[in-house]
Amino acid sequence: MTLADILTSLFPAGHSVAVADGLIRGAAPLPGGGTLHVLGIADEAPLGVEGALTLASHVLDIAGKGDGAPLLMLIDSASQRMSRRDELLGLSEYLAHLAKALLLAEAQGHRTIGLLYGGSAAGAFIATALATGTLVALPGAHPAVMDLPSMARVTKLSLDVLKAKAESTPVFAPGLDNLAKTGAIHAVWDPAKPLAGQLADLLATPVEADHRDRLGAERGGRPKAAAVAERVIAEVGHD
């Protein structure tokens, strides 16, 4: 689906969402009343210093409104911008700032939902999609925290070893199916059905704390994280 198709399916009553310089911004009415804030990245744009700062500024504006309106982050990006200039300016700090702004919005009562409809990778993926309270995706989305060749360079393991691990351990593997198995992606929406209804159903579902590790255990992609977290919480409670 194109972004235009997605917006039409999400907001049949209309919207004020626009794209400028690879960034998405706008709003749309919710069927039951109220407003949905919409932000994001379009056209596989890389996320650099300016983009991260702009998105963070919009998120903070939303968090400061105090209206509790949900925020939808639409994502089709490359990775973070791979330039010497951005790195020297401290791009990692700008990405962290954006992620913390989304966490703040959630803490202030604004439900944050990421909708991955294209690509995203590395720091851009972590600072947008994974920083939302609930992440959903459309078929054909292709996320990657780190691709296998990059992982091989970092870990010093051979590409063959990593490919073998990726076949049996989803946390080692990029791709939509693997991210869903780990619980990072809550659900894959059906593009043959109106997206407005699927969004309404999600907004009507209570927010669950720490749901990603539980989903990862249920789906077999992250079998230990939930149990370890529960044990840590239990041990802290005994002190």
C-alpha atoms as a PDB file:
ATOM      1  CA  MET A   1       0.000   0.000   0.000  1.00  0.00           C
ATOM      2  CA  THR A   2       1.178   3.508  -0.710  1.00  0.00           C
ATOM      3  CA  LEU A   3       1.095   6.145   2.006  1.00  0.00           C
ATOM      4  CA  ALA A   4      -1.889   7.762   0.279  1.00  0.00           C
ATOM      5  CA  ASP A   5      -3.750   4.433   0.298  1.00  0.00           C
ATOM      6  CA  ILE A   6      -2.928   3.911   3.969  1.00  0.00           C
ATOM      7  CA  LEU A   7      -4.156   7.374   4.964  1.00  0.00           C
ATOM      8  CA  THR A   8      -7.392   6.894   3.010  1.00  0.00           C
ATOM      9  CA  SER A   9      -8.010   3.536   4.676  1.00  0.00           C
ATOM     10  CA  LEU A  10      -7.134   4.881   8.127  1.00  0.00           C
ATOM     11  CA  PHE A  11      -9.123   8.094   7.866  1.00  0.00           C
ATOM     12  CA  PRO A  12     -12.128   7.718   5.526  1.00  0.00           C
ATOM     13  CA  ALA A  13     -13.625  10.914   6.966  1.00  0.00           C
ATOM     14  CA  GLY A  14     -10.564  12.918   5.898  1.00  0.00           C
ATOM     15  CA  HIS A  15      -7.366  14.149   7.485  1.00  0.00           C
ATOM     16  CA  SER A  16      -4.822  16.957   7.468  1.00  0.00           C
ATOM     17  CA  VAL A  17      -1.722  14.768   7.149  1.00  0.00           C
ATOM     18  CA  ALA A  18       1.030  15.994   4.807  1.00  0.00           C
ATOM     19  CA  VAL A  19       4.607  15.069   3.913  1.00  0.00           C
ATOM     20  CA  ALA A  20       7.463  17.573   3.748  1.00  0.00           C
ATOM     21  CA  ASP A  21      11.167  16.788   3.480  1.00  0.00           C
ATOM     22  CA  GLY A  22      10.505  13.121   4.156  1.00  0.00           C
ATOM     23  CA  LEU A  23       8.641  13.769   7.414  1.00  0.00           C
ATOM     24  CA  ILE A  24       4.947  13.162   8.068  1.00  0.00           C
ATOM     25  CA  ARG A  25       2.856  15.498  10.190  1.00  0.00           C
ATOM     26  CA  GLY A  26      -0.822  16.184  10.693  1.00  0.00           C
ATOM     27  CA  ALA A  27      -3.958  15.051  12.461  1.00  0.00           C
ATOM     28  CA  ALA A  28      -7.202  13.237  11.826  1.00  0.00           C
ATOM     29  CA  PRO A  29     -10.541  12.893  13.598  1.00  0.00           C
ATOM     30  CA  LEU A  30     -11.299   9.673  15.460  1.00  0.00           C
ATOM     31  CA  PRO A  31     -14.651   8.003  14.714  1.00  0.00           C
ATOM     32  CA  GLY A  32     -15.735   8.202  18.348  1.00  0.00           C
ATOM     33  CA  GLY A  33     -14.694  11.817  18.665  1.00  0.00           C
ATOM     34  CA  GLY A  34     -11.403  13.428  19.479  1.00  0.00           C
ATOM     35  CA  THR A  35      -8.209  13.829  17.501  1.00  0.00           C
ATOM     36  CA  LEU A  36      -5.403  11.522  16.495  1.00  0.00           C
ATOM     37  CA  HIS A  37      -1.972  13.136  16.072  1.00  0.00           C
ATOM     38  CA  VAL A  38       0.016  11.737  13.145  1.00  0.00           C
ATOM     39  CA  LEU A  39       3.790  11.921  12.683  1.00  0.00           C
ATOM     40  CA  GLY A  40       6.353   9.808  10.885  1.00  0.00           C
ATOM     41  CA  ILE A  41       8.897   9.245   8.159  1.00  0.00           C
ATOM     42  CA  ALA A  42       8.071   8.649   4.489  1.00  0.00           C
ATOM     43  CA  ASP A  43       9.729   7.645   1.233  1.00  0.00           C
ATOM     44  CA  GLU A  44      12.499   5.597   2.894  1.00  0.00           C
ATOM     45  CA  ALA A  45      14.138   8.807   4.077  1.00  0.00           C
ATOM     46  CA  PRO A  46      17.161   8.406   6.377  1.00  0.00           C
ATOM     47  CA  LEU A  47      16.734   9.942   9.819  1.00  0.00           C
ATOM     48  CA  GLY A  48      19.337  12.616  10.482  1.00  0.00           C
ATOM     49  CA  VAL A  49      19.903  15.272  13.113  1.00  0.00           C
ATOM     50  CA  GLU A  50      17.346  17.711  11.701  1.00  0.00           C
ATOM     51  CA  GLY A  51      14.651  15.088  11.208  1.00  0.00           C
ATOM     52  CA  ALA A  52      15.081  13.612  14.679  1.00  0.00           C
ATOM     53  CA  LEU A  53      14.997  17.060  16.266  1.00  0.00           C
ATOM     54  CA  THR A  54      11.911  18.083  14.284  1.00  0.00           C
ATOM     55  CA  LEU A  55       9.998  14.930  15.166  1.00  0.00           C
ATOM     56  CA  ALA A  56      11.003  15.206  18.830  1.00  0.00           C
ATOM     57  CA  SER A  57       9.816  18.811  18.905  1.00  0.00           C
ATOM     58  CA  HIS A  58       6.402  17.781  17.546  1.00  0.00           C
ATOM     59  CA  VAL A  59       6.145  14.912  20.032  1.00  0.00           C
ATOM     60  CA  LEU A  60       6.974  17.219  22.937  1.00  0.00           C
ATOM     61  CA  ASP A  61       4.350  19.704  21.741  1.00  0.00           C
ATOM     62  CA  ILE A  62       1.793  16.880  21.756  1.00  0.00           C
ATOM     63  CA  ALA A  63       2.916  15.669  25.188  1.00  0.00           C
ATOM     64  CA  GLY A  64       2.484  19.189  26.554  1.00  0.00           C
ATOM     65  CA  LYS A  65      -1.086  19.589  25.332  1.00  0.00           C
ATOM     66  CA  GLY A  66      -2.500  17.497  28.149  1.00  0.00           C
ATOM     67  CA  ASP A  67      -5.441  16.344  26.012  1.00  0.00           C
ATOM     68  CA  GLY A  68      -4.524  12.647  26.102  1.00  0.00           C
ATOM     69  CA  ALA A  69      -4.969  12.367  22.349  1.00  0.00           C
ATOM     70  CA  PRO A  70      -3.217   9.315  20.859  1.00  0.00           C
ATOM     71  CA  LEU A  71      -0.234   9.623  18.533  1.00  0.00           C
ATOM     72  CA  LEU A  72       0.280   7.479  15.443  1.00  0.00           C
ATOM     73  CA  MET A  73       3.822   7.226  14.075  1.00  0.00           C
ATOM     74  CA  LEU A  74       3.886   6.094  10.419  1.00  0.00           C
ATOM     75  CA  ILE A  75       7.258   4.681   9.430  1.00  0.00           C
ATOM     76  CA  ASP A  76       8.938   4.012   6.096  1.00  0.00           C
ATOM     77  CA  SER A  77      12.572   4.971   6.561  1.00  0.00           C
ATOM     78  CA  ALA A  78      16.094   3.944   5.852  1.00  0.00           C
ATOM     79  CA  SER A  79      18.453   3.753   8.805  1.00  0.00           C
ATOM     80  CA  GLN A  80      19.868   6.805  10.518  1.00  0.00           C
ATOM     81  CA  ARG A  81      21.681   9.122   8.114  1.00  0.00           C
ATOM     82  CA  MET A  82      25.166   7.738   7.562  1.00  0.00           C
ATOM     83  CA  SER A  83      27.134  10.960   7.270  1.00  0.00           C
ATOM     84  CA  ARG A  84      30.240  12.205   9.022  1.00  0.00           C
ATOM     85  CA  ARG A  85      28.494  15.507   9.728  1.00  0.00           C
ATOM     86  CA  ASP A  86      25.589  13.872  11.555  1.00  0.00           C
ATOM     87  CA  GLU A  87      27.903  11.643  13.545  1.00  0.00           C
ATOM     88  CA  LEU A  88      30.105  14.581  14.587  1.00  0.00           C
ATOM     89  CA  LEU A  89      27.004  16.497  15.675  1.00  0.00           C
ATOM     90  CA  GLY A  90      26.083  13.601  17.959  1.00  0.00           C
ATOM     91  CA  LEU A  91      23.301  11.916  16.003  1.00  0.00           C
ATOM     92  CA  SER A  92      22.950   9.179  18.617  1.00  0.00           C
ATOM     93  CA  GLU A  93      21.970  11.790  21.188  1.00  0.00           C
ATOM     94  CA  TYR A  94      19.308  13.241  18.882  1.00  0.00           C
ATOM     95  CA  LEU A  95      17.891   9.768  18.271  1.00  0.00           C
ATOM     96  CA  ALA A  96      17.857   9.096  22.014  1.00  0.00           C
ATOM     97  CA  HIS A  97      16.103  12.432  22.541  1.00  0.00           C
ATOM     98  CA  LEU A  98      13.386  11.420  20.077  1.00  0.00           C
ATOM     99  CA  ALA A  99      12.909   8.030  21.742  1.00  0.00           C
ATOM    100  CA  LYS A 100      12.659   9.661  25.184  1.00  0.00           C
ATOM    101  CA  ALA A 101      10.138  12.196  23.848  1.00  0.00           C
ATOM    102  CA  LEU A 102       7.903   9.327  22.712  1.00  0.00           C
ATOM    103  CA  LEU A 103       8.264   7.641  26.109  1.00  0.00           C
ATOM    104  CA  LEU A 104       7.339  10.936  27.772  1.00  0.00           C
ATOM    105  CA  ALA A 105       4.231  11.301  25.602  1.00  0.00           C
ATOM    106  CA  GLU A 106       3.150   7.800  26.606  1.00  0.00           C
ATOM    107  CA  ALA A 107       3.785   8.586  30.274  1.00  0.00           C
ATOM    108  CA  GLN A 108       1.696  11.764  29.925  1.00  0.00           C
ATOM    109  CA  GLY A 109      -1.301   9.712  28.810  1.00  0.00           C
ATOM    110  CA  HIS A 110      -0.924   9.866  25.023  1.00  0.00           C
ATOM    111  CA  ARG A 111      -1.198   6.369  23.562  1.00  0.00           C
ATOM    112  CA  THR A 112       1.695   6.008  21.097  1.00  0.00           C
ATOM    113  CA  ILE A 113       1.292   3.583  18.210  1.00  0.00           C
ATOM    114  CA  GLY A 114       3.820   2.872  15.502  1.00  0.00           C
ATOM    115  CA  LEU A 115       2.663   1.646  12.087  1.00  0.00           C
ATOM    116  CA  LEU A 116       5.527   0.239  10.052  1.00  0.00           C
ATOM    117  CA  TYR A 117       4.466   0.222   6.405  1.00  0.00           C
ATOM    118  CA  GLY A 118       7.863   0.139   4.684  1.00  0.00           C
ATOM    119  CA  GLY A 119      11.448  -0.188   5.760  1.00  0.00           C
ATOM    120  CA  SER A 120      13.331   0.915   8.836  1.00  0.00           C
ATOM    121  CA  ALA A 121      16.640  -0.051  10.332  1.00  0.00           C
ATOM    122  CA  ALA A 122      19.183   0.515  13.067  1.00  0.00           C
ATOM    123  CA  GLY A 123      18.965   3.726  15.091  1.00  0.00           C
ATOM    124  CA  ALA A 124      16.052   5.106  13.079  1.00  0.00           C
ATOM    125  CA  PHE A 125      14.031   1.971  13.819  1.00  0.00           C
ATOM    126  CA  ILE A 126      14.867   2.038  17.526  1.00  0.00           C
ATOM    127  CA  ALA A 127      14.128   5.765  17.955  1.00  0.00           C
ATOM    128  CA  THR A 128      10.747   5.659  16.183  1.00  0.00           C
ATOM    129  CA  ALA A 129       9.063   2.263  15.780  1.00  0.00           C
ATOM    130  CA  LEU A 130      10.465   0.526  18.857  1.00  0.00           C
ATOM    131  CA  ALA A 131      10.038   3.634  21.019  1.00  0.00           C
ATOM    132  CA  THR A 132       6.261   3.656  20.566  1.00  0.00           C
ATOM    133  CA  GLY A 133       4.109   1.920  23.147  1.00  0.00           C
ATOM    134  CA  THR A 134       2.613  -0.479  20.593  1.00  0.00           C
ATOM    135  CA  LEU A 135       4.072  -1.332  17.193  1.00  0.00           C
ATOM    136  CA  VAL A 136       2.026  -2.820  14.364  1.00  0.00           C
ATOM    137  CA  ALA A 137       2.968  -3.418  10.746  1.00  0.00           C
ATOM    138  CA  LEU A 138       1.606  -4.059   7.296  1.00  0.00           C
ATOM    139  CA  PRO A 139       2.641  -7.037   5.142  1.00  0.00           C
ATOM    140  CA  GLY A 140       5.699  -6.165   3.094  1.00  0.00           C
ATOM    141  CA  ALA A 141       7.289  -4.077   5.825  1.00  0.00           C
ATOM    142  CA  HIS A 142      10.959  -4.905   6.229  1.00  0.00           C
ATOM    143  CA  PRO A 143      12.453  -3.860   9.578  1.00  0.00           C
ATOM    144  CA  ALA A 144      15.957  -4.645  10.794  1.00  0.00           C
ATOM    145  CA  VAL A 145      17.654  -3.607  13.999  1.00  0.00           C
ATOM    146  CA  MET A 146      20.896  -4.667  12.293  1.00  0.00           C
ATOM    147  CA  ASP A 147      21.430  -6.615   9.092  1.00  0.00           C
ATOM    148  CA  LEU A 148      23.544  -9.756   9.227  1.00  0.00           C
ATOM    149  CA  PRO A 149      26.625  -8.357   7.390  1.00  0.00           C
ATOM    150  CA  SER A 150      26.764  -5.447   9.853  1.00  0.00           C
ATOM    151  CA  MET A 151      26.248  -7.831  12.751  1.00  0.00           C
ATOM    152  CA  ALA A 152      29.137  -9.950  11.486  1.00  0.00           C
ATOM    153  CA  ARG A 153      31.445  -6.931  11.496  1.00  0.00           C
ATOM    154  CA  VAL A 154      30.445  -5.986  15.049  1.00  0.00           C
ATOM    155  CA  THR A 155      30.437  -9.453  16.636  1.00  0.00           C
ATOM    156  CA  LYS A 156      33.401 -10.798  14.613  1.00  0.00           C
ATOM    157  CA  LEU A 157      31.327 -13.925  13.929  1.00  0.00           C
ATOM    158  CA  SER A 158      31.247 -15.227  10.379  1.00  0.00           C
ATOM    159  CA  LEU A 159      28.252 -14.488   8.197  1.00  0.00           C
ATOM    160  CA  ASP A 160      27.639 -18.236   7.852  1.00  0.00           C
ATOM    161  CA  VAL A 161      27.450 -18.633  11.639  1.00  0.00           C
ATOM    162  CA  LEU A 162      25.024 -15.732  11.947  1.00  0.00           C
ATOM    163  CA  LYS A 163      22.852 -17.054   9.111  1.00  0.00           C
ATOM    164  CA  ALA A 164      22.625 -20.395  10.907  1.00  0.00           C
ATOM    165  CA  LYS A 165      21.698 -18.680  14.172  1.00  0.00           C
ATOM    166  CA  ALA A 166      19.118 -16.530  12.413  1.00  0.00           C
ATOM    167  CA  GLU A 167      17.320 -19.622  11.142  1.00  0.00           C
ATOM    168  CA  SER A 168      16.661 -20.855  14.677  1.00  0.00           C
ATOM    169  CA  THR A 169      16.833 -17.703  16.808  1.00  0.00           C
ATOM    170  CA  PRO A 170      14.635 -14.760  15.716  1.00  0.00           C
ATOM    171  CA  VAL A 171      16.576 -12.219  17.790  1.00  0.00           C
ATOM    172  CA  PHE A 172      19.495 -12.691  15.397  1.00  0.00           C
ATOM    173  CA  ALA A 173      17.421 -12.172  12.287  1.00  0.00           C
ATOM    174  CA  PRO A 174      15.990  -9.107  10.546  1.00  0.00           C
ATOM    175  CA  GLY A 175      12.592  -9.101   8.895  1.00  0.00           C
ATOM    176  CA  LEU A 176       8.917  -8.731   9.740  1.00  0.00           C
ATOM    177  CA  ASP A 177       8.269 -12.342  10.770  1.00  0.00           C
ATOM    178  CA  ASN A 178      11.243 -12.443  13.114  1.00  0.00           C
ATOM    179  CA  LEU A 179      10.412  -9.118  14.777  1.00  0.00           C
ATOM    180  CA  ALA A 180       6.846 -10.355  15.296  1.00  0.00           C
ATOM    181  CA  LYS A 181       8.120 -13.575  16.894  1.00  0.00           C
ATOM    182  CA  THR A 182      10.198 -11.613  19.388  1.00  0.00           C
ATOM    183  CA  GLY A 183       7.128  -9.606  20.391  1.00  0.00           C
ATOM    184  CA  ALA A 184       8.538  -6.318  19.105  1.00  0.00           C
ATOM    185  CA  ILE A 185       5.674  -6.131  16.592  1.00  0.00           C
ATOM    186  CA  HIS A 186       2.329  -6.532  18.320  1.00  0.00           C
ATOM    187  CA  ALA A 187       0.335  -7.472  15.218  1.00  0.00           C
ATOM    188  CA  VAL A 188       0.429  -7.450  11.428  1.00  0.00           C
ATOM    189  CA  TRP A 189      -2.671  -5.709  10.088  1.00  0.00           C
ATOM    190  CA  ASP A 190      -4.703  -6.987   7.152  1.00  0.00           C
ATOM    191  CA  PRO A 191      -4.584  -4.466   4.277  1.00  0.00           C
ATOM    192  CA  ALA A 192      -7.643  -6.095   2.697  1.00  0.00           C
ATOM    193  CA  LYS A 193      -9.745  -4.793   5.601  1.00  0.00           C
ATOM    194  CA  PRO A 194     -10.289  -1.127   6.500  1.00  0.00           C
ATOM    195  CA  LEU A 195      -7.356   0.071   8.567  1.00  0.00           C
ATOM    196  CA  ALA A 196      -9.678   2.457  10.412  1.00  0.00           C
ATOM    197  CA  GLY A 197     -11.403  -0.467  12.102  1.00  0.00           C
ATOM    198  CA  GLN A 198      -8.141  -2.147  13.027  1.00  0.00           C
ATOM    199  CA  LEU A 199      -6.855   1.106  14.520  1.00  0.00           C
ATOM    200  CA  ALA A 200     -10.109   1.560  16.463  1.00  0.00           C
ATOM    201  CA  ASP A 201      -9.840  -1.980  17.843  1.00  0.00           C
ATOM    202  CA  LEU A 202      -6.265  -1.351  18.960  1.00  0.00           C
ATOM    203  CA  LEU A 203      -7.140   1.960  20.618  1.00  0.00           C
ATOM    204  CA  ALA A 204      -9.986   0.218  22.446  1.00  0.00           C
ATOM    205  CA  THR A 205      -7.592  -2.386  23.848  1.00  0.00           C
ATOM    206  CA  PRO A 206      -6.083  -1.466  27.245  1.00  0.00           C
ATOM    207  CA  VAL A 207      -2.372  -0.757  27.254  1.00  0.00           C
ATOM    208  CA  GLU A 208      -0.369  -3.635  28.712  1.00  0.00           C
ATOM    209  CA  ALA A 209       2.854  -2.953  30.571  1.00  0.00           C
ATOM    210  CA  ASP A 210       5.886  -4.949  29.413  1.00  0.00           C
ATOM    211  CA  HIS A 211       3.806  -6.826  26.839  1.00  0.00           C
ATOM    212  CA  ARG A 212       6.652  -7.356  24.368  1.00  0.00           C
ATOM    213  CA  ASP A 213       8.603  -9.850  26.472  1.00  0.00           C
ATOM    214  CA  ARG A 214       5.387 -11.796  27.169  1.00  0.00           C
ATOM    215  CA  LEU A 215       4.499 -11.893  23.472  1.00  0.00           C
ATOM    216  CA  GLY A 216       8.041 -13.003  22.674  1.00  0.00           C
ATOM    217  CA  ALA A 217       7.683 -15.911  25.107  1.00  0.00           C
ATOM    218  CA  GLU A 218       4.270 -16.911  23.754  1.00  0.00           C
ATOM    219  CA  ARG A 219       5.520 -16.821  20.161  1.00  0.00           C
ATOM    220  CA  GLY A 220       8.784 -18.618  20.890  1.00  0.00           C
ATOM    221  CA  GLY A 221      10.997 -15.813  19.646  1.00  0.00           C
ATOM    222  CA  ARG A 222      12.258 -14.613  23.041  1.00  0.00           C
ATOM    223  CA  PRO A 223      11.704 -17.480  25.466  1.00  0.00           C
ATOM    224  CA  LYS A 224      13.697 -16.156  28.442  1.00  0.00           C
ATOM    225  CA  ALA A 225      13.113 -12.386  28.665  1.00  0.00           C
ATOM    226  CA  ALA A 226       9.734 -12.470  30.434  1.00  0.00           C
ATOM    227  CA  ALA A 227      10.847 -15.114  32.941  1.00  0.00           C
ATOM    228  CA  VAL A 228      14.045 -13.228  33.743  1.00  0.00           C
ATOM    229  CA  ALA A 229      12.144  -9.958  34.201  1.00  0.00           C
ATOM    230  CA  GLU A 230       9.618 -11.635  36.503  1.00  0.00           C
ATOM    231  CA  ARG A 231      12.411 -13.169  38.592  1.00  0.00           C
ATOM    232  CA  VAL A 232      14.197  -9.820  38.921  1.00  0.00           C
ATOM    233  CA  ILE A 233      10.969  -8.129  40.021  1.00  0.00           C
ATOM    234  CA  ALA A 234      10.320 -10.921  42.519  1.00  0.00           C
ATOM    235  CA  GLU A 235      13.854 -10.737  43.937  1.00  0.00           C
ATOM    236  CA  VAL A 236      13.641  -6.952  44.303  1.00  0.00           C
ATOM    237  CA  GLY A 237      10.331  -7.364  46.087  1.00  0.00           C
ATOM    238  CA  HIS A 238      11.941  -9.628  48.667  1.00  0.00           C
ATOM    239  CA  ASP A 239      14.610  -7.054  49.615  1.00  0.00           C
END
